[in-house]
């Protein structure tokens, strides 16, 4: 059993960097690395969950949590860049406009558009051959905060919403703590 576990860990270590490298070619991937977080931002969430999700899927399955294992298997990457601002920023305006143009140019379908005064929230998806392969959320309130979230994988939106309903009220910190409790090393998760 230990030999099989060791083989599995080695396989993950070998395959994870390969999968991460191919992520940029995935049609559901939107590059967020170029977005600069201002030095004076008060609240920052810079999260990159990629290869850690492979390990989380195996851990959830080993623990008998079939629903969470299914969610982790369908998601290849979750990338979040979110931060607050003390004042309006032309650089952030340009980043929001650039992401919007990328989504339009790459034939993403906008599912949700909400505008309340200056605050804008959009949720867009990308499908290939009828299968959803990407989800992109942009929430922007000029002079206050901005969030970019890209989820990549073979996504079943109904299933993800069902699971989100079950997780309602749990914070990201709690979610990450559970990942760590399940054996996902936090050094696999990048925070800035």
N, C-alpha and C. Protein backbone atom coordinates (compact mmCIF):
# COMPACT_ATOMS: atom_id res chain seq x y z
N UNK A 1 0.82 -1.20 0.00
CA UNK A 1 0.00 0.00 0.00
C UNK A 1 0.87 1.26 0.00
N UNK A 2 1.96 1.26 0.80
CA UNK A 2 2.85 2.42 0.82
C UNK A 2 3.50 2.62 -0.53
N UNK A 3 3.86 1.53 -1.20
CA UNK A 3 4.49 1.65 -2.52
C UNK A 3 3.52 2.27 -3.52
N UNK A 4 2.25 1.87 -3.45
CA UNK A 4 1.23 2.42 -4.34
C UNK A 4 1.02 3.91 -4.05
N UNK A 5 1.00 4.28 -2.76
CA UNK A 5 0.85 5.69 -2.38
C UNK A 5 2.04 6.50 -2.87
N UNK A 6 3.25 5.96 -2.71
CA UNK A 6 4.45 6.65 -3.16
C UNK A 6 4.41 6.84 -4.68
N UNK A 7 3.99 5.80 -5.39
CA UNK A 7 3.89 5.89 -6.84
C UNK A 7 2.89 6.97 -7.23
N UNK A 8 1.75 7.05 -6.52
CA UNK A 8 0.74 8.05 -6.80
C UNK A 8 1.29 9.46 -6.56
N UNK A 9 2.00 9.67 -5.46
CA UNK A 9 2.59 10.97 -5.16
C UNK A 9 3.60 11.36 -6.24
N UNK A 10 4.44 10.42 -6.65
CA UNK A 10 5.42 10.70 -7.70
C UNK A 10 4.73 11.05 -9.01
N UNK A 11 3.64 10.35 -9.33
CA UNK A 11 2.89 10.63 -10.55
C UNK A 11 2.34 12.05 -10.51
N UNK A 12 1.80 12.47 -9.38
CA UNK A 12 1.28 13.83 -9.24
C UNK A 12 2.39 14.85 -9.41
N UNK A 13 3.56 14.59 -8.81
CA UNK A 13 4.67 15.52 -8.91
C UNK A 13 5.16 15.65 -10.35
N UNK A 14 5.09 14.58 -11.11
CA UNK A 14 5.53 14.60 -12.50
C UNK A 14 4.47 15.22 -13.41
N UNK A 15 3.20 14.85 -13.20
CA UNK A 15 2.13 15.29 -14.08
C UNK A 15 1.71 16.72 -13.81
N UNK A 16 1.71 17.17 -12.56
CA UNK A 16 1.21 18.50 -12.21
C UNK A 16 1.90 19.63 -12.98
N UNK A 17 3.24 19.67 -13.04
CA UNK A 17 3.86 20.75 -13.81
C UNK A 17 3.50 20.68 -15.29
N UNK A 18 3.34 19.49 -15.84
CA UNK A 18 2.95 19.35 -17.24
C UNK A 18 1.56 19.92 -17.45
N UNK A 19 0.61 19.57 -16.56
CA UNK A 19 -0.74 20.09 -16.68
C UNK A 19 -0.77 21.60 -16.52
N UNK A 20 0.02 22.10 -15.60
CA UNK A 20 0.06 23.55 -15.37
C UNK A 20 0.58 24.26 -16.61
N UNK A 21 1.61 23.69 -17.27
CA UNK A 21 2.16 24.30 -18.47
C UNK A 21 1.18 24.32 -19.62
N UNK A 22 0.35 23.30 -19.73
CA UNK A 22 -0.65 23.22 -20.78
C UNK A 22 -1.85 24.11 -20.50
N UNK A 23 -1.97 24.60 -19.30
CA UNK A 23 -3.13 25.39 -18.90
C UNK A 23 -3.30 26.62 -19.79
N UNK A 24 -2.20 27.25 -20.16
CA UNK A 24 -2.27 28.45 -20.99
C UNK A 24 -2.88 28.17 -22.36
N UNK A 25 -2.85 26.92 -22.81
CA UNK A 25 -3.43 26.54 -24.10
C UNK A 25 -4.90 26.17 -23.97
N UNK A 26 -5.38 26.03 -22.75
CA UNK A 26 -6.76 25.64 -22.51
C UNK A 26 -7.70 26.76 -22.96
N UNK A 27 -8.78 26.45 -23.70
CA UNK A 27 -9.67 27.51 -24.18
C UNK A 27 -10.42 28.24 -23.07
N UNK A 28 -10.47 27.69 -21.86
CA UNK A 28 -11.14 28.35 -20.74
C UNK A 28 -10.22 29.22 -19.92
N UNK A 29 -8.96 29.30 -20.29
CA UNK A 29 -7.94 30.04 -19.53
C UNK A 29 -7.90 31.50 -19.96
N UNK A 30 -7.89 32.38 -18.98
CA UNK A 30 -7.65 33.80 -19.21
C UNK A 30 -6.45 34.20 -18.35
N UNK A 31 -5.44 34.76 -18.97
CA UNK A 31 -4.22 35.15 -18.27
C UNK A 31 -4.51 36.36 -17.38
N UNK A 32 -4.25 36.22 -16.09
CA UNK A 32 -4.42 37.32 -15.14
C UNK A 32 -3.10 37.77 -14.54
N UNK A 33 -2.00 37.13 -14.93
CA UNK A 33 -0.70 37.43 -14.34
C UNK A 33 -0.24 38.86 -14.57
N UNK A 34 -0.61 39.44 -15.67
CA UNK A 34 -0.14 40.78 -16.03
C UNK A 34 -0.82 41.88 -15.22
N UNK A 35 -1.89 41.55 -14.52
CA UNK A 35 -2.61 42.55 -13.74
C UNK A 35 -1.81 42.89 -12.48
N UNK A 36 -1.42 44.14 -12.36
CA UNK A 36 -0.62 44.58 -11.22
C UNK A 36 -1.52 44.97 -10.05
N UNK A 37 -1.16 44.47 -8.88
CA UNK A 37 -1.86 44.85 -7.66
C UNK A 37 -1.13 46.05 -7.07
N UNK A 38 -1.84 47.15 -6.85
CA UNK A 38 -1.17 48.35 -6.32
C UNK A 38 -0.54 48.09 -4.95
N UNK A 39 0.59 48.73 -4.72
CA UNK A 39 1.29 48.58 -3.44
C UNK A 39 0.46 49.06 -2.26
N UNK A 40 -0.43 50.03 -2.50
CA UNK A 40 -1.22 50.59 -1.41
C UNK A 40 -2.58 49.91 -1.23
N UNK A 41 -2.80 48.77 -1.89
CA UNK A 41 -4.07 48.05 -1.72
C UNK A 41 -4.19 47.54 -0.28
N UNK A 42 -5.36 47.76 0.32
CA UNK A 42 -5.58 47.34 1.71
C UNK A 42 -5.90 45.85 1.81
N UNK A 43 -6.78 45.39 0.96
CA UNK A 43 -7.21 43.99 0.98
C UNK A 43 -6.80 43.34 -0.33
N UNK A 44 -6.09 42.23 -0.23
CA UNK A 44 -5.60 41.53 -1.42
C UNK A 44 -5.92 40.05 -1.32
N UNK A 45 -6.42 39.49 -2.41
CA UNK A 45 -6.53 38.05 -2.56
C UNK A 45 -5.87 37.72 -3.90
N UNK A 46 -4.74 37.07 -3.86
CA UNK A 46 -4.01 36.66 -5.05
C UNK A 46 -3.82 35.16 -4.92
N UNK A 47 -4.69 34.40 -5.54
CA UNK A 47 -4.76 32.95 -5.32
C UNK A 47 -4.60 32.23 -6.65
N UNK A 48 -3.77 31.21 -6.65
CA UNK A 48 -3.54 30.40 -7.85
C UNK A 48 -3.60 28.93 -7.45
N UNK A 49 -4.77 28.33 -7.65
CA UNK A 49 -4.94 26.90 -7.35
C UNK A 49 -4.96 26.14 -8.66
N UNK A 50 -3.90 25.44 -8.94
CA UNK A 50 -3.83 24.64 -10.16
C UNK A 50 -3.54 23.21 -9.81
N UNK A 51 -2.26 22.84 -9.80
CA UNK A 51 -1.88 21.46 -9.47
C UNK A 51 -2.38 21.01 -8.10
N UNK A 52 -2.60 21.94 -7.19
CA UNK A 52 -3.11 21.56 -5.86
C UNK A 52 -4.47 20.90 -5.96
N UNK A 53 -5.24 21.23 -7.00
CA UNK A 53 -6.57 20.65 -7.16
C UNK A 53 -6.52 19.17 -7.50
N UNK A 54 -5.48 18.75 -8.22
CA UNK A 54 -5.32 17.34 -8.54
C UNK A 54 -5.14 16.54 -7.26
N UNK A 55 -4.31 17.06 -6.39
CA UNK A 55 -4.07 16.41 -5.11
C UNK A 55 -5.32 16.43 -4.25
N UNK A 56 -6.05 17.54 -4.27
CA UNK A 56 -7.28 17.65 -3.47
C UNK A 56 -8.31 16.65 -3.94
N UNK A 57 -8.40 16.41 -5.25
CA UNK A 57 -9.36 15.44 -5.78
C UNK A 57 -9.05 14.05 -5.26
N UNK A 58 -7.78 13.69 -5.29
CA UNK A 58 -7.38 12.36 -4.80
C UNK A 58 -7.64 12.24 -3.32
N UNK A 59 -7.33 13.29 -2.56
CA UNK A 59 -7.55 13.26 -1.11
C UNK A 59 -9.03 13.16 -0.77
N UNK A 60 -9.86 13.92 -1.46
CA UNK A 60 -11.30 13.89 -1.20
C UNK A 60 -11.85 12.50 -1.52
N UNK A 61 -11.38 11.92 -2.61
CA UNK A 61 -11.85 10.59 -3.00
C UNK A 61 -11.41 9.55 -1.96
N UNK A 62 -10.17 9.65 -1.50
CA UNK A 62 -9.67 8.72 -0.49
C UNK A 62 -10.44 8.84 0.82
N UNK A 63 -10.92 10.05 1.12
CA UNK A 63 -11.68 10.27 2.35
C UNK A 63 -13.17 9.94 2.19
N UNK A 64 -13.55 9.50 0.99
CA UNK A 64 -14.93 9.10 0.75
C UNK A 64 -15.87 10.26 0.45
N UNK A 65 -15.34 11.45 0.20
CA UNK A 65 -16.18 12.60 -0.14
C UNK A 65 -16.31 12.67 -1.66
N UNK A 66 -17.21 11.85 -2.19
CA UNK A 66 -17.36 11.71 -3.64
C UNK A 66 -17.80 13.01 -4.31
N UNK A 67 -18.65 13.80 -3.65
CA UNK A 67 -19.12 15.05 -4.25
C UNK A 67 -17.97 16.04 -4.42
N UNK A 68 -17.16 16.21 -3.37
CA UNK A 68 -16.03 17.13 -3.48
C UNK A 68 -15.00 16.60 -4.46
N UNK A 69 -14.79 15.30 -4.48
CA UNK A 69 -13.86 14.70 -5.43
C UNK A 69 -14.30 15.01 -6.85
N UNK A 70 -15.60 14.94 -7.11
CA UNK A 70 -16.14 15.23 -8.44
C UNK A 70 -15.89 16.69 -8.82
N UNK A 71 -16.10 17.59 -7.88
CA UNK A 71 -15.85 19.02 -8.15
C UNK A 71 -14.38 19.23 -8.46
N UNK A 72 -13.49 18.68 -7.63
CA UNK A 72 -12.06 18.88 -7.86
C UNK A 72 -11.60 18.27 -9.18
N UNK A 73 -12.22 17.17 -9.60
CA UNK A 73 -11.82 16.53 -10.86
C UNK A 73 -12.21 17.39 -12.07
N UNK A 74 -13.31 18.12 -11.97
CA UNK A 74 -13.75 18.89 -13.14
C UNK A 74 -13.00 20.21 -13.27
N UNK A 75 -12.35 20.67 -12.20
CA UNK A 75 -11.67 21.96 -12.22
C UNK A 75 -10.16 21.76 -12.34
N UNK A 76 -9.57 22.37 -13.36
CA UNK A 76 -8.12 22.30 -13.55
C UNK A 76 -7.41 23.45 -12.85
N UNK A 77 -8.08 24.60 -12.76
CA UNK A 77 -7.42 25.77 -12.19
C UNK A 77 -8.45 26.77 -11.70
N UNK A 78 -8.11 27.43 -10.60
CA UNK A 78 -8.87 28.58 -10.12
C UNK A 78 -7.86 29.69 -9.88
N UNK A 79 -8.06 30.81 -10.55
CA UNK A 79 -7.15 31.95 -10.42
C UNK A 79 -7.96 33.15 -9.98
N UNK A 80 -7.56 33.78 -8.88
CA UNK A 80 -8.25 34.93 -8.32
C UNK A 80 -7.25 36.07 -8.15
N UNK A 81 -7.61 37.23 -8.63
CA UNK A 81 -6.88 38.47 -8.34
C UNK A 81 -7.93 39.47 -7.91
N UNK A 82 -7.85 39.87 -6.65
CA UNK A 82 -8.84 40.77 -6.08
C UNK A 82 -8.13 41.72 -5.12
N UNK A 83 -8.49 42.99 -5.21
CA UNK A 83 -7.86 43.95 -4.32
C UNK A 83 -8.71 45.21 -4.18
N UNK A 84 -8.48 45.92 -3.08
CA UNK A 84 -9.17 47.18 -2.84
C UNK A 84 -8.30 48.33 -3.29
N UNK A 85 -8.95 49.49 -3.49
CA UNK A 85 -8.24 50.69 -3.92
C UNK A 85 -8.72 51.86 -3.08
N UNK A 86 -7.86 52.82 -2.88
CA UNK A 86 -8.24 54.02 -2.15
C UNK A 86 -8.82 55.09 -3.07
N UNK A 87 -8.50 54.96 -4.35
CA UNK A 87 -8.99 55.95 -5.32
C UNK A 87 -9.08 55.29 -6.69
N UNK A 88 -9.77 55.97 -7.61
CA UNK A 88 -9.91 55.43 -8.96
C UNK A 88 -8.54 55.31 -9.61
N UNK A 89 -8.42 54.29 -10.45
CA UNK A 89 -7.13 54.01 -11.08
C UNK A 89 -7.33 53.76 -12.57
N UNK A 90 -6.62 54.52 -13.39
CA UNK A 90 -6.69 54.31 -14.84
C UNK A 90 -6.14 52.94 -15.22
N UNK A 91 -5.14 52.47 -14.47
CA UNK A 91 -4.57 51.15 -14.76
C UNK A 91 -5.62 50.05 -14.54
N UNK A 92 -6.41 50.18 -13.49
CA UNK A 92 -7.45 49.18 -13.23
C UNK A 92 -8.56 49.29 -14.28
N UNK A 93 -8.93 50.52 -14.65
CA UNK A 93 -9.92 50.72 -15.72
C UNK A 93 -9.46 50.01 -16.99
N UNK A 94 -8.17 50.17 -17.32
CA UNK A 94 -7.61 49.54 -18.53
C UNK A 94 -7.60 48.02 -18.40
N UNK A 95 -7.30 47.49 -17.20
CA UNK A 95 -7.29 46.05 -17.00
C UNK A 95 -8.68 45.46 -17.18
N UNK A 96 -9.69 46.13 -16.62
CA UNK A 96 -11.07 45.66 -16.78
C UNK A 96 -11.46 45.70 -18.26
N UNK A 97 -11.12 46.78 -18.95
CA UNK A 97 -11.43 46.90 -20.38
C UNK A 97 -10.70 45.83 -21.19
N UNK A 98 -9.44 45.56 -20.85
CA UNK A 98 -8.66 44.56 -21.58
C UNK A 98 -9.25 43.15 -21.39
N UNK A 99 -9.63 42.81 -20.16
CA UNK A 99 -10.25 41.50 -19.91
C UNK A 99 -11.56 41.40 -20.67
N UNK A 100 -12.36 42.46 -20.65
CA UNK A 100 -13.64 42.46 -21.38
C UNK A 100 -13.42 42.23 -22.87
N UNK A 101 -12.40 42.87 -23.41
CA UNK A 101 -12.08 42.69 -24.84
C UNK A 101 -11.62 41.26 -25.12
N UNK A 102 -10.77 40.71 -24.24
CA UNK A 102 -10.31 39.33 -24.40
C UNK A 102 -11.51 38.37 -24.46
N UNK A 103 -12.43 38.57 -23.55
CA UNK A 103 -13.60 37.69 -23.49
C UNK A 103 -14.42 37.79 -24.77
N UNK A 104 -14.60 39.01 -25.25
CA UNK A 104 -15.37 39.22 -26.48
C UNK A 104 -14.65 38.61 -27.69
N UNK A 105 -13.33 38.86 -27.77
CA UNK A 105 -12.54 38.37 -28.91
C UNK A 105 -12.44 36.85 -28.95
N UNK A 106 -12.51 36.21 -27.78
CA UNK A 106 -12.38 34.75 -27.72
C UNK A 106 -13.74 34.05 -27.63
N UNK A 107 -14.81 34.78 -27.99
CA UNK A 107 -16.16 34.22 -28.07
C UNK A 107 -16.69 33.66 -26.75
N UNK A 108 -16.40 34.34 -25.65
CA UNK A 108 -17.01 33.97 -24.38
C UNK A 108 -18.44 34.49 -24.38
N UNK A 109 -19.33 33.79 -23.72
CA UNK A 109 -20.73 34.18 -23.64
C UNK A 109 -20.99 34.81 -22.27
N UNK A 110 -21.49 36.03 -22.28
CA UNK A 110 -21.79 36.71 -21.02
C UNK A 110 -23.14 36.21 -20.51
N UNK A 111 -23.12 35.58 -19.34
CA UNK A 111 -24.33 35.05 -18.72
C UNK A 111 -25.01 36.08 -17.83
N UNK A 112 -24.19 36.85 -17.11
CA UNK A 112 -24.73 37.79 -16.14
C UNK A 112 -24.03 39.13 -16.33
N UNK A 113 -24.83 40.18 -16.34
CA UNK A 113 -24.32 41.55 -16.35
C UNK A 113 -25.16 42.35 -15.37
N UNK A 114 -24.53 42.84 -14.32
CA UNK A 114 -25.23 43.63 -13.32
C UNK A 114 -24.50 44.96 -13.18
N UNK A 115 -25.26 46.04 -13.29
CA UNK A 115 -24.69 47.38 -13.11
C UNK A 115 -25.54 48.10 -12.08
N UNK A 116 -24.87 48.56 -11.01
CA UNK A 116 -25.53 49.30 -9.95
C UNK A 116 -24.69 50.54 -9.70
N UNK A 117 -25.17 51.69 -10.18
CA UNK A 117 -24.38 52.92 -10.18
C UNK A 117 -23.09 52.65 -10.96
N UNK A 118 -21.92 52.79 -10.32
CA UNK A 118 -20.65 52.54 -11.01
C UNK A 118 -20.20 51.09 -10.91
N UNK A 119 -20.79 50.33 -9.99
CA UNK A 119 -20.37 48.94 -9.78
C UNK A 119 -20.89 48.04 -10.91
N UNK A 120 -19.97 47.21 -11.43
CA UNK A 120 -20.31 46.31 -12.53
C UNK A 120 -19.86 44.90 -12.16
N UNK A 121 -20.72 43.92 -12.41
CA UNK A 121 -20.38 42.51 -12.23
C UNK A 121 -20.77 41.77 -13.50
N UNK A 122 -19.80 41.02 -14.05
CA UNK A 122 -20.10 40.18 -15.21
C UNK A 122 -19.65 38.75 -14.92
N UNK A 123 -20.42 37.81 -15.42
CA UNK A 123 -20.07 36.39 -15.37
C UNK A 123 -20.18 35.88 -16.79
N UNK A 124 -19.06 35.35 -17.29
CA UNK A 124 -19.00 34.85 -18.66
C UNK A 124 -18.52 33.41 -18.66
N UNK A 125 -18.95 32.66 -19.69
CA UNK A 125 -18.50 31.28 -19.83
C UNK A 125 -17.98 31.05 -21.24
N UNK A 126 -17.16 30.05 -21.35
CA UNK A 126 -16.64 29.63 -22.67
C UNK A 126 -16.96 28.16 -22.83
N UNK A 127 -17.54 27.81 -23.97
CA UNK A 127 -17.89 26.42 -24.26
C UNK A 127 -17.19 25.97 -25.54
N UNK A 128 -16.86 24.69 -25.56
CA UNK A 128 -16.30 24.05 -26.74
C UNK A 128 -17.09 22.77 -26.98
N UNK A 129 -17.66 22.64 -28.16
CA UNK A 129 -18.47 21.47 -28.51
C UNK A 129 -19.57 21.21 -27.48
N UNK A 130 -20.18 22.28 -26.98
CA UNK A 130 -21.28 22.15 -26.04
C UNK A 130 -20.87 21.92 -24.60
N UNK A 131 -19.58 21.80 -24.33
CA UNK A 131 -19.10 21.61 -22.95
C UNK A 131 -18.48 22.90 -22.44
N UNK A 132 -18.89 23.32 -21.22
CA UNK A 132 -18.31 24.52 -20.63
C UNK A 132 -16.88 24.21 -20.18
N UNK A 133 -15.94 25.04 -20.63
CA UNK A 133 -14.52 24.83 -20.30
C UNK A 133 -13.93 25.98 -19.50
N UNK A 134 -14.69 27.06 -19.32
CA UNK A 134 -14.17 28.19 -18.57
C UNK A 134 -15.27 29.06 -18.01
N UNK A 135 -14.97 29.67 -16.88
CA UNK A 135 -15.87 30.61 -16.22
C UNK A 135 -15.02 31.82 -15.81
N UNK A 136 -15.51 33.01 -16.11
CA UNK A 136 -14.78 34.23 -15.78
C UNK A 136 -15.72 35.22 -15.10
N UNK A 137 -15.31 35.69 -13.93
CA UNK A 137 -16.08 36.68 -13.18
C UNK A 137 -15.24 37.95 -13.05
N UNK A 138 -15.85 39.08 -13.36
CA UNK A 138 -15.21 40.38 -13.15
C UNK A 138 -16.18 41.22 -12.34
N UNK A 139 -15.73 41.69 -11.19
CA UNK A 139 -16.53 42.58 -10.34
C UNK A 139 -15.70 43.83 -10.09
N UNK A 140 -16.27 44.99 -10.43
CA UNK A 140 -15.48 46.22 -10.36
C UNK A 140 -16.33 47.36 -9.83
N UNK A 141 -15.81 48.00 -8.81
CA UNK A 141 -16.39 49.23 -8.29
C UNK A 141 -15.26 50.26 -8.27
N UNK A 142 -15.24 51.19 -9.23
CA UNK A 142 -14.15 52.14 -9.35
C UNK A 142 -13.86 52.87 -8.03
N UNK A 143 -12.58 52.93 -7.71
CA UNK A 143 -12.15 53.61 -6.49
C UNK A 143 -12.36 52.79 -5.23
N UNK A 144 -12.93 51.60 -5.35
CA UNK A 144 -13.21 50.75 -4.18
C UNK A 144 -12.48 49.41 -4.27
N UNK A 145 -12.92 48.58 -5.22
CA UNK A 145 -12.32 47.25 -5.34
C UNK A 145 -12.56 46.66 -6.72
N UNK A 146 -11.75 45.65 -7.04
CA UNK A 146 -11.90 44.91 -8.28
C UNK A 146 -11.55 43.45 -8.02
N UNK A 147 -12.26 42.55 -8.68
CA UNK A 147 -12.00 41.11 -8.56
C UNK A 147 -12.06 40.47 -9.94
N UNK A 148 -11.08 39.63 -10.22
CA UNK A 148 -11.05 38.83 -11.43
C UNK A 148 -10.94 37.37 -10.99
N UNK A 149 -11.83 36.52 -11.47
CA UNK A 149 -11.81 35.10 -11.11
C UNK A 149 -11.94 34.29 -12.39
N UNK A 150 -10.98 33.38 -12.62
CA UNK A 150 -11.01 32.50 -13.79
C UNK A 150 -10.99 31.06 -13.30
N UNK A 151 -12.00 30.29 -13.71
CA UNK A 151 -12.08 28.87 -13.39
C UNK A 151 -11.97 28.11 -14.70
N UNK A 152 -11.05 27.14 -14.76
CA UNK A 152 -10.77 26.38 -15.98
C UNK A 152 -11.01 24.90 -15.71
N UNK A 153 -11.61 24.23 -16.66
CA UNK A 153 -11.82 22.79 -16.56
C UNK A 153 -12.97 22.35 -17.43
N UNK A 154 -13.45 21.16 -17.19
CA UNK A 154 -14.66 20.67 -17.85
C UNK A 154 -15.77 20.83 -16.83
N UNK A 155 -16.47 21.97 -16.92
CA UNK A 155 -17.33 22.44 -15.86
C UNK A 155 -18.79 22.09 -16.09
N UNK A 156 -19.42 21.59 -15.06
CA UNK A 156 -20.86 21.34 -15.05
C UNK A 156 -21.44 22.42 -14.14
N UNK A 157 -21.99 23.47 -14.75
CA UNK A 157 -22.44 24.63 -13.99
C UNK A 157 -23.52 24.26 -12.97
N UNK A 158 -24.45 23.41 -13.35
CA UNK A 158 -25.52 23.02 -12.42
C UNK A 158 -24.93 22.32 -11.20
N UNK A 159 -23.96 21.44 -11.42
CA UNK A 159 -23.34 20.72 -10.31
C UNK A 159 -22.53 21.67 -9.42
N UNK A 160 -21.80 22.59 -10.05
CA UNK A 160 -21.02 23.55 -9.27
C UNK A 160 -21.93 24.44 -8.43
N UNK A 161 -23.06 24.87 -8.99
CA UNK A 161 -24.00 25.69 -8.23
C UNK A 161 -24.60 24.90 -7.07
N UNK A 162 -24.88 23.63 -7.31
CA UNK A 162 -25.41 22.77 -6.24
C UNK A 162 -24.39 22.69 -5.10
N UNK A 163 -23.12 22.47 -5.44
CA UNK A 163 -22.08 22.37 -4.43
C UNK A 163 -21.85 23.72 -3.75
N UNK A 164 -21.94 24.81 -4.51
CA UNK A 164 -21.78 26.14 -3.91
C UNK A 164 -22.87 26.39 -2.88
N UNK A 165 -24.08 25.91 -3.17
CA UNK A 165 -25.17 26.03 -2.20
C UNK A 165 -24.88 25.28 -0.92
N UNK A 166 -24.24 24.14 -1.02
CA UNK A 166 -23.87 23.37 0.17
C UNK A 166 -22.78 24.06 0.96
N UNK A 167 -21.90 24.78 0.25
CA UNK A 167 -20.77 25.44 0.91
C UNK A 167 -21.11 26.87 1.34
N UNK A 168 -22.33 27.32 1.03
CA UNK A 168 -22.73 28.70 1.33
C UNK A 168 -22.41 29.06 2.79
N UNK A 169 -21.79 30.20 2.94
CA UNK A 169 -21.48 30.66 4.29
C UNK A 169 -20.09 30.30 4.75
N UNK A 170 -19.43 29.37 4.05
CA UNK A 170 -18.07 29.02 4.43
C UNK A 170 -17.10 29.98 3.75
N UNK A 171 -16.12 30.43 4.46
CA UNK A 171 -15.17 31.38 3.89
C UNK A 171 -14.09 30.66 3.10
N UNK A 172 -13.38 31.42 2.29
CA UNK A 172 -12.25 30.87 1.53
C UNK A 172 -11.19 30.33 2.49
N UNK A 173 -10.97 31.03 3.59
CA UNK A 173 -9.98 30.56 4.56
C UNK A 173 -10.36 29.18 5.10
N UNK A 174 -11.65 28.99 5.39
CA UNK A 174 -12.11 27.70 5.90
C UNK A 174 -11.91 26.62 4.83
N UNK A 175 -12.23 26.97 3.58
CA UNK A 175 -12.05 26.04 2.47
C UNK A 175 -10.57 25.64 2.34
N UNK A 176 -9.67 26.63 2.42
CA UNK A 176 -8.25 26.33 2.30
C UNK A 176 -7.76 25.52 3.50
N UNK A 177 -8.30 25.80 4.69
CA UNK A 177 -7.95 25.00 5.86
C UNK A 177 -8.35 23.54 5.66
N UNK A 178 -9.55 23.32 5.07
CA UNK A 178 -9.99 21.95 4.80
C UNK A 178 -9.07 21.27 3.80
N UNK A 179 -8.63 22.01 2.79
CA UNK A 179 -7.69 21.44 1.82
C UNK A 179 -6.42 20.98 2.54
N UNK A 180 -5.92 21.84 3.42
CA UNK A 180 -4.70 21.51 4.14
C UNK A 180 -4.93 20.30 5.05
N UNK A 181 -6.09 20.24 5.70
CA UNK A 181 -6.42 19.10 6.55
C UNK A 181 -6.49 17.80 5.75
N UNK A 182 -6.84 17.92 4.46
CA UNK A 182 -6.94 16.74 3.61
C UNK A 182 -5.59 16.37 3.01
N UNK A 183 -4.55 17.11 3.38
CA UNK A 183 -3.21 16.74 2.94
C UNK A 183 -2.69 17.54 1.78
N UNK A 184 -3.45 18.55 1.30
CA UNK A 184 -2.95 19.39 0.23
C UNK A 184 -1.98 20.38 0.86
N UNK A 185 -0.74 20.28 0.44
CA UNK A 185 0.29 21.14 1.00
C UNK A 185 0.04 22.58 0.57
N UNK A 186 0.06 23.49 1.51
CA UNK A 186 -0.20 24.89 1.19
C UNK A 186 0.94 25.51 0.39
N UNK A 187 2.09 24.83 0.29
CA UNK A 187 3.15 25.37 -0.57
C UNK A 187 2.80 25.17 -2.04
N UNK A 188 1.77 24.36 -2.34
CA UNK A 188 1.29 24.21 -3.71
C UNK A 188 0.38 25.35 -4.11
N UNK A 189 -0.05 26.14 -3.13
CA UNK A 189 -0.97 27.23 -3.36
C UNK A 189 -0.18 28.53 -3.26
N UNK A 190 -0.27 29.36 -4.30
CA UNK A 190 0.52 30.58 -4.34
C UNK A 190 -0.30 31.74 -3.81
N UNK A 191 0.24 32.47 -2.84
CA UNK A 191 -0.38 33.69 -2.34
C UNK A 191 0.64 34.80 -2.47
N UNK A 192 0.18 35.97 -2.85
CA UNK A 192 1.06 37.15 -2.88
C UNK A 192 0.52 38.17 -1.93
